[in-house]
Amino acid sequence: MKGRIAVLIALSMVLLFVQTNAWSCTAFNLEGKGYNLFGKNYEWPCENGMVFINKRGLSKVAMRASNNKNDLQGHPIRWTSRYGSITFNQYGRELPTGGMNEAGLVVENMSLPSTSYPRPDSRPFIHRSQWIQYQLDNHKTVAQVIGSDTELRIFPTHKRGMGYHYLVSDTSGDCAVIEFIDGKMVVYSDSRLPLKALANDTYEESLKVWKENRSISYYNRFNRTIQHMGEFKYQTQDSSVKSVFHILSLVSQGDYTKWSIVYDIKNSKIFYRTRSNPGIRYLDLNKLDFSCRTPVRILNINDVNKGDVTERFNLYSFDRNKNLIMESFMRSYKEAFHDFGFQQLLEKIAKYPDTIRCQ
């Protein structure tokens, strides 16, 4: 029993660090007549990652991970995925940094030091790194994502700086910022969301700084992003996607910007490029097989130099998932986890998808 508790504690500490020390990230949504484009820069020490084709019809139970038994009061949430999705994952299957589902819902996260998740209550729990996958599995609208706060809770962490906030958009053009402050979901949408962008301060603070000083200081990515968004003009799909990548380049953090992603929500396409492979690659969700009766497929984010990658995915395997997890944690947290039986713990994370079943 003591050994099992020690493993759970160590596992929770590993997961606690997933992306929580992120350098900086920026996301924004440009929506108007004929277009709905969502851009995201992912800043982090390492670049490796996988693009996952996640299937509909999969029965799941939320991953358990906590160093405090009181967090796990109640039970993990169970669900069967209604929608297939594409996600970008650095720390393994089911733990995405963001993505888009076949219904056109986009969810992306950014680190937020002031995050405070709810204390245990009657709602079933989920780990914050799996919350994005849950939303993409189950919902098609921003309103449904907001409403999910009655369905589940993200179990708390006990250190500041260990959380995210989210920018969410859907095919209707609806957009929202979702944060967890003082243990409650805080939502900015409609009239409370005059600027559809997000960085690493609370939205309230970002909006306040913008109103007080509309400068494009190098040190204020939110202001710079809003300024460049105002210069955007939709022309053709190709030119507009390139314009979004241009904005992302203008607010990048140099070598720390590892991935740049553009979601063309209206046309169900995703474009991306990486630091070491700047050629733009894209995929068409309309051409993907999301049935759970067919194998899960993945694509190394740096495979293929440019162009259409829709048909370039490879079969998922435990070994590929484990290698992704090992490489990412080793590059990001090698010293921090030297004493925790590192490889054994990461193998447990890698095995979690084996609990998922096709219904």
Protein backbone atom coordinates (compact mmCIF):
# COMPACT_ATOMS: atom_id res chain seq x y z
CA MET A 1 0.00 0.00 0.00
CA LYS A 2 2.79 2.41 0.94
CA GLY A 3 4.52 1.69 -2.37
CA ARG A 4 1.32 2.38 -4.28
CA ILE A 5 0.78 5.67 -2.46
CA ALA A 6 4.37 6.70 -3.20
CA VAL A 7 3.87 5.93 -6.88
CA LEU A 8 0.64 7.95 -7.00
CA ILE A 9 2.29 10.89 -5.30
CA ALA A 10 5.22 10.80 -7.68
CA LEU A 11 2.92 10.38 -10.67
CA SER A 12 0.89 13.38 -9.61
CA MET A 13 4.04 15.47 -9.31
CA VAL A 14 5.06 14.47 -12.82
CA LEU A 15 1.67 15.48 -14.22
CA LEU A 16 1.65 18.61 -12.08
CA PHE A 17 4.51 19.93 -14.14
CA VAL A 18 2.99 19.22 -17.55
CA GLN A 19 3.18 22.59 -19.27
CA THR A 20 2.73 24.53 -16.05
CA ASN A 21 6.05 26.31 -16.36
CA ALA A 22 5.28 27.35 -19.93
CA TRP A 23 7.28 30.31 -21.14
CA SER A 24 4.58 32.24 -22.98
CA CYS A 25 1.72 31.43 -25.31
CA THR A 26 -0.56 33.60 -27.39
CA ALA A 27 -3.89 32.86 -29.06
CA PHE A 28 -6.48 34.92 -30.92
CA ASN A 29 -9.65 34.53 -32.98
CA LEU A 30 -10.42 36.50 -36.16
CA GLU A 31 -14.02 36.10 -37.31
CA GLY A 32 -16.04 37.91 -39.94
CA LYS A 33 -17.98 37.49 -43.17
CA GLY A 34 -16.66 34.41 -44.92
CA TYR A 35 -13.96 33.49 -42.41
CA ASN A 36 -13.28 32.23 -38.89
CA LEU A 37 -9.56 31.87 -38.17
CA PHE A 38 -7.90 30.99 -34.86
CA GLY A 39 -4.16 31.39 -34.30
CA LYS A 40 -1.94 29.97 -31.54
CA ASN A 41 1.76 30.19 -30.68
CA TYR A 42 3.09 27.51 -28.36
CA GLU A 43 6.22 28.54 -26.45
CA TRP A 44 8.17 25.92 -24.54
CA PRO A 45 11.73 24.60 -24.06
CA CYS A 46 11.27 21.56 -26.33
CA GLU A 47 9.66 21.20 -29.75
CA ASN A 48 8.82 17.54 -30.17
CA GLY A 49 5.19 16.50 -30.36
CA MET A 50 2.54 14.44 -32.10
CA VAL A 51 -0.63 15.27 -33.99
CA PHE A 52 -3.36 12.83 -32.89
CA ILE A 53 -6.50 11.68 -34.67
CA ASN A 54 -8.87 11.09 -31.74
CA LYS A 55 -11.88 8.89 -32.40
CA ARG A 56 -15.56 9.25 -31.64
CA GLY A 57 -17.30 6.40 -29.78
CA LEU A 58 -14.53 5.82 -27.22
CA SER A 59 -15.48 5.00 -23.63
CA LYS A 60 -13.19 6.76 -21.13
CA VAL A 61 -12.64 7.25 -17.43
CA ALA A 62 -10.67 10.34 -16.38
CA MET A 63 -7.04 9.79 -15.45
CA ARG A 64 -6.39 9.70 -11.70
CA ALA A 65 -3.45 11.80 -10.52
CA SER A 66 -3.14 13.72 -7.28
CA ASN A 67 -0.84 13.99 -4.30
CA ASN A 68 -3.74 14.74 -1.99
CA LYS A 69 -6.40 12.08 -1.40
CA ASN A 70 -8.94 14.77 -0.53
CA ASP A 71 -8.79 16.00 -4.13
CA LEU A 72 -10.16 12.67 -5.29
CA GLN A 73 -13.30 12.76 -3.18
CA GLY A 74 -16.10 11.48 -5.35
CA HIS A 75 -15.18 9.77 -8.59
CA PRO A 76 -13.51 10.41 -11.95
CA ILE A 77 -15.85 11.43 -14.75
CA ARG A 78 -16.82 8.83 -17.34
CA TRP A 79 -17.86 9.60 -20.89
CA THR A 80 -18.08 8.29 -24.44
CA SER A 81 -16.67 10.62 -27.08
CA ARG A 82 -19.30 12.05 -29.42
CA TYR A 83 -16.91 13.80 -31.80
CA GLY A 84 -13.62 12.99 -33.42
CA SER A 85 -10.85 15.55 -33.14
CA ILE A 86 -7.32 16.56 -34.07
CA THR A 87 -5.08 17.51 -31.17
CA PHE A 88 -1.48 18.58 -30.66
CA ASN A 89 0.12 16.56 -27.87
CA GLN A 90 3.53 16.79 -26.27
CA TYR A 91 3.07 14.71 -23.12
CA GLY A 92 1.10 11.79 -24.47
CA ARG A 93 -2.27 10.70 -25.78
CA GLU A 94 -5.29 12.26 -24.01
CA LEU A 95 -3.21 15.20 -22.69
CA PRO A 96 -3.35 17.77 -25.51
CA THR A 97 -2.25 21.38 -25.53
CA GLY A 98 -5.14 22.16 -27.86
CA GLY A 99 -7.06 21.09 -30.92
CA MET A 100 -10.24 21.16 -33.01
CA ASN A 101 -13.03 18.60 -33.33
CA GLU A 102 -15.08 17.61 -36.37
CA ALA A 103 -17.94 19.89 -35.21
CA GLY A 104 -15.64 22.92 -35.45
CA LEU A 105 -14.97 23.52 -31.76
CA VAL A 106 -11.46 24.82 -31.00
CA VAL A 107 -9.96 24.79 -27.49
CA GLU A 108 -6.45 26.07 -26.73
CA ASN A 109 -4.74 26.62 -23.39
CA MET A 110 -2.17 29.07 -22.03
CA SER A 111 -0.51 29.03 -18.62
CA LEU A 112 -1.98 31.34 -15.97
CA PRO A 113 -0.14 31.64 -12.62
CA SER A 114 -3.17 32.92 -10.70
CA THR A 115 -5.31 29.88 -11.53
CA SER A 116 -7.16 28.31 -8.59
CA TYR A 117 -9.29 25.23 -9.26
CA PRO A 118 -12.38 24.31 -7.21
CA ARG A 119 -12.19 22.37 -4.00
CA PRO A 120 -13.73 18.89 -3.99
CA ASP A 121 -17.52 18.80 -4.30
CA SER A 122 -20.19 16.48 -5.67
CA ARG A 123 -19.08 16.81 -9.29
CA PRO A 124 -16.88 14.08 -10.80
CA PHE A 125 -13.28 15.16 -11.35
CA ILE A 126 -10.81 15.37 -14.22
CA HIS A 127 -7.16 16.35 -14.51
CA ARG A 128 -6.64 19.79 -16.03
CA SER A 129 -4.45 18.35 -18.80
CA GLN A 130 -7.34 16.11 -19.90
CA TRP A 131 -10.01 18.83 -19.69
CA ILE A 132 -9.37 19.92 -23.30
CA GLN A 133 -9.83 16.40 -24.62
CA TYR A 134 -13.07 16.07 -22.67
CA GLN A 135 -14.43 19.26 -24.25
CA LEU A 136 -13.45 18.22 -27.78
CA ASP A 137 -14.92 14.75 -27.22
CA ASN A 138 -18.28 15.99 -26.02
CA HIS A 139 -19.18 19.46 -27.26
CA LYS A 140 -19.70 21.46 -30.45
CA THR A 141 -20.36 24.96 -29.11
CA VAL A 142 -18.73 27.44 -26.77
CA ALA A 143 -21.96 27.55 -24.75
CA GLN A 144 -21.74 23.81 -24.12
CA VAL A 145 -18.13 24.13 -22.94
CA ILE A 146 -19.19 26.83 -20.49
CA GLY A 147 -22.14 24.72 -19.36
CA SER A 148 -19.87 21.76 -18.64
CA ASP A 149 -18.89 23.43 -15.38
CA THR A 150 -21.97 21.75 -13.89
CA GLU A 151 -20.82 18.35 -15.22
CA LEU A 152 -17.31 18.10 -13.81
CA ARG A 153 -14.56 19.85 -11.91
CA ILE A 154 -10.83 20.07 -12.47
CA PHE A 155 -9.28 18.78 -9.28
CA PRO A 156 -7.15 21.39 -7.52
CA THR A 157 -3.43 21.86 -7.39
CA HIS A 158 -1.71 23.12 -4.31
CA LYS A 159 0.86 25.46 -5.77
CA ARG A 160 0.32 28.71 -7.60
CA GLY A 161 1.38 28.82 -11.20
CA MET A 162 0.01 25.36 -11.84
CA GLY A 163 -2.91 26.09 -14.08
CA TYR A 164 -4.25 27.21 -17.44
CA HIS A 165 -6.83 29.46 -18.97
CA TYR A 166 -8.45 28.82 -22.33
CA LEU A 167 -9.54 30.51 -25.53
CA VAL A 168 -12.49 28.68 -27.11
CA SER A 169 -14.26 29.23 -30.44
CA ASP A 170 -16.87 27.46 -32.59
CA THR A 171 -18.40 27.49 -36.07
CA SER A 172 -21.03 30.10 -35.19
CA GLY A 173 -18.31 32.66 -34.45
CA ASP A 174 -18.94 32.47 -30.73
CA CYS A 175 -15.76 32.88 -28.68
CA ALA A 176 -14.92 32.89 -24.97
CA VAL A 177 -12.09 33.10 -22.48
CA ILE A 178 -12.44 30.61 -19.63
CA GLU A 179 -10.44 30.96 -16.42
CA PHE A 180 -10.56 29.40 -12.97
CA ILE A 181 -10.13 32.06 -10.30
CA ASP A 182 -10.66 31.54 -6.56
CA GLY A 183 -12.06 28.09 -7.23
CA LYS A 184 -14.73 29.18 -9.72
CA MET A 185 -15.05 29.24 -13.51
CA VAL A 186 -14.87 32.82 -14.80
CA VAL A 187 -16.13 33.38 -18.36
CA TYR A 188 -15.60 36.28 -20.73
CA SER A 189 -17.85 36.18 -23.78
CA ASP A 190 -20.17 38.38 -25.84
CA SER A 191 -19.99 41.96 -24.50
CA ARG A 192 -17.44 40.91 -21.86
CA LEU A 193 -15.06 39.82 -24.63
CA PRO A 194 -14.43 42.94 -26.72
CA LEU A 195 -11.00 41.63 -27.78
CA LYS A 196 -10.69 37.99 -28.84
CA ALA A 197 -7.14 37.30 -27.72
CA LEU A 198 -5.34 35.76 -24.79
CA ALA A 199 -1.80 35.62 -23.40
CA ASN A 200 -0.56 34.75 -19.90
CA ASP A 201 -2.23 37.36 -17.69
CA THR A 202 -5.86 37.19 -16.65
CA TYR A 203 -8.17 38.54 -19.31
CA GLU A 204 -9.34 41.25 -16.92
CA GLU A 205 -5.77 42.47 -16.38
CA SER A 206 -4.93 42.29 -20.09
CA LEU A 207 -8.01 44.30 -21.00
CA LYS A 208 -7.22 46.88 -18.32
CA VAL A 209 -3.67 47.37 -19.60
CA TRP A 210 -4.93 47.66 -23.18
CA LYS A 211 -7.44 50.35 -22.27
CA GLU A 212 -4.87 52.31 -20.28
CA ASN A 213 -2.04 52.13 -22.78
CA ARG A 214 -2.68 50.93 -26.32
CA SER A 215 1.00 50.61 -27.12
CA ILE A 216 2.68 47.71 -28.89
CA SER A 217 5.55 47.32 -26.46
CA TYR A 218 7.68 44.25 -27.12
CA TYR A 219 6.94 43.13 -23.56
CA ASN A 220 3.16 43.16 -23.92
CA ARG A 221 2.10 40.41 -26.31
CA PHE A 222 -1.60 41.00 -25.71
CA ASN A 223 -1.37 44.62 -26.86
CA ARG A 224 0.80 43.70 -29.82
CA THR A 225 -1.58 40.95 -30.84
CA ILE A 226 -4.62 43.23 -30.72
CA GLN A 227 -2.79 45.89 -32.72
CA HIS A 228 -1.87 43.44 -35.48
CA MET A 229 -5.33 41.85 -35.47
CA GLY A 230 -6.72 45.28 -36.32
CA GLU A 231 -4.60 45.32 -39.46
CA PHE A 232 -6.00 42.00 -40.74
CA LYS A 233 -8.06 42.05 -43.95
CA TYR A 234 -9.68 38.94 -45.35
CA GLN A 235 -9.00 38.25 -49.02
CA THR A 236 -8.63 34.64 -50.13
CA GLN A 237 -8.37 31.63 -47.84
CA ASP A 238 -4.71 31.09 -48.66
CA SER A 239 -3.69 34.71 -48.20
CA SER A 240 -5.68 35.03 -44.99
CA VAL A 241 -4.10 31.92 -43.45
CA LYS A 242 -0.69 33.38 -44.33
CA SER A 243 -1.74 36.66 -42.70
CA VAL A 244 -2.56 34.83 -39.47
CA PHE A 245 0.84 33.13 -39.53
CA HIS A 246 2.37 36.58 -40.06
CA ILE A 247 0.63 37.91 -36.95
CA LEU A 248 1.87 34.88 -35.02
CA SER A 249 5.42 35.61 -36.19
CA LEU A 250 5.12 39.24 -35.04
CA VAL A 251 4.19 38.17 -31.50
CA SER A 252 6.52 35.17 -31.28
CA GLN A 253 9.09 34.71 -28.53
CA GLY A 254 12.05 33.87 -30.74
CA ASP A 255 13.49 30.40 -30.26
CA TYR A 256 10.94 29.62 -27.53
CA THR A 257 8.11 29.64 -30.06
CA LYS A 258 8.06 25.97 -31.00
CA TRP A 259 4.72 25.57 -32.81
CA SER A 260 2.45 27.99 -34.67
CA ILE A 261 -1.05 26.70 -35.50
CA VAL A 262 -3.89 28.19 -37.53
CA TYR A 263 -7.37 26.69 -37.34
CA ASP A 264 -9.59 27.48 -40.32
CA ILE A 265 -12.83 26.74 -38.48
CA LYS A 266 -15.14 27.56 -41.37
CA ASN A 267 -13.40 25.13 -43.72
CA SER A 268 -12.48 22.43 -41.15
CA LYS A 269 -8.76 22.69 -41.89
CA ILE A 270 -5.74 22.99 -39.64
CA PHE A 271 -2.41 24.54 -40.69
CA TYR A 272 0.78 24.39 -38.64
CA ARG A 273 4.53 24.89 -38.71
CA THR A 274 7.34 24.34 -36.22
CA ARG A 275 10.55 26.10 -35.26
CA SER A 276 12.86 23.64 -36.99
CA ASN A 277 10.47 22.93 -39.87
CA PRO A 278 8.90 26.26 -40.96
CA GLY A 279 7.15 24.86 -44.02
CA ILE A 280 3.38 25.13 -43.63
CA ARG A 281 1.60 21.80 -43.39
CA TYR A 282 -2.16 21.30 -43.35
CA LEU A 283 -4.86 18.68 -42.93
CA ASP A 284 -8.54 18.47 -43.78
CA LEU A 285 -10.81 17.12 -41.04
CA ASN A 286 -13.50 16.32 -43.62
CA LYS A 287 -11.23 13.65 -45.10
CA LEU A 288 -10.33 11.88 -41.85
CA ASP A 289 -11.82 8.66 -40.51
CA PHE A 290 -12.95 9.27 -36.92
CA SER A 291 -14.66 5.89 -36.43
CA CYS A 292 -13.38 4.04 -33.38
CA ARG A 293 -13.59 0.80 -35.38
CA THR A 294 -10.45 1.88 -37.23
CA PRO A 295 -7.02 2.28 -35.58
CA VAL A 296 -5.92 5.51 -33.92
CA ARG A 297 -3.36 7.36 -36.02
CA ILE A 298 -0.66 9.88 -35.17
CA LEU A 299 1.88 12.04 -36.98
CA ASN A 300 5.19 13.36 -35.70
CA ILE A 301 4.76 17.13 -35.72
CA ASN A 302 8.08 17.57 -37.56
CA ASP A 303 7.50 14.89 -40.20
CA VAL A 304 6.86 16.17 -43.73
CA ASN A 305 8.39 19.45 -44.87
CA LYS A 306 5.23 21.13 -46.18
CA GLY A 307 1.88 20.58 -47.84
CA ASP A 308 -1.08 18.27 -47.24
CA VAL A 309 -0.47 15.74 -44.44
CA THR A 310 -4.02 14.38 -44.24
CA GLU A 311 -2.94 10.99 -45.60
CA ARG A 312 0.48 10.92 -43.90
CA PHE A 313 -0.53 9.65 -40.46
CA ASN A 314 0.94 6.46 -38.97
CA LEU A 315 -0.54 3.84 -36.68
CA TYR A 316 -0.58 4.69 -32.98
CA SER A 317 1.22 2.32 -30.63
CA PHE A 318 2.08 2.14 -26.95
CA ASP A 319 5.78 2.42 -27.81
CA ARG A 320 5.30 5.59 -29.84
CA ASN A 321 3.24 7.14 -27.08
CA LYS A 322 5.77 6.13 -24.46
CA ASN A 323 8.67 7.49 -26.52
CA LEU A 324 6.89 10.82 -26.92
CA ILE A 325 6.26 11.05 -23.18
CA MET A 326 9.79 10.02 -22.25
CA GLU A 327 11.40 12.45 -24.67
CA SER A 328 9.23 15.38 -23.64
CA PHE A 329 9.68 14.91 -19.89
CA MET A 330 13.38 14.18 -20.22
CA ARG A 331 13.94 17.37 -22.21
CA SER A 332 11.79 19.56 -20.00
CA TYR A 333 12.24 18.17 -16.47
CA LYS A 334 15.27 15.89 -16.43
CA GLU A 335 16.76 17.22 -13.20
CA ALA A 336 13.45 17.76 -11.38
CA PHE A 337 12.45 14.09 -11.64
CA HIS A 338 15.79 12.36 -11.28
CA ASP A 339 14.80 10.81 -7.94
CA PHE A 340 11.30 9.61 -8.78
CA GLY A 341 11.74 6.36 -10.64
CA PHE A 342 11.20 8.49 -13.70
CA GLN A 343 10.80 5.87 -16.41
CA GLN A 344 8.41 3.69 -14.39
CA LEU A 345 6.11 6.63 -13.69
CA LEU A 346 6.09 7.77 -17.28
CA GLU A 347 5.22 4.26 -18.39
CA LYS A 348 2.08 4.47 -16.24
CA ILE A 349 1.07 7.64 -18.07
CA ALA A 350 1.80 5.92 -21.37
CA LYS A 351 -0.41 2.95 -20.41
CA TYR A 352 -3.43 5.07 -19.51
CA PRO A 353 -4.87 4.96 -23.09
CA ASP A 354 -5.04 1.16 -22.78
CA THR A 355 -8.06 1.71 -20.49
CA ILE A 356 -10.02 3.32 -23.36
CA ARG A 357 -12.50 1.15 -25.23
CA CYS A 358 -14.44 1.50 -28.48
CA GLN A 359 -18.20 1.35 -27.90
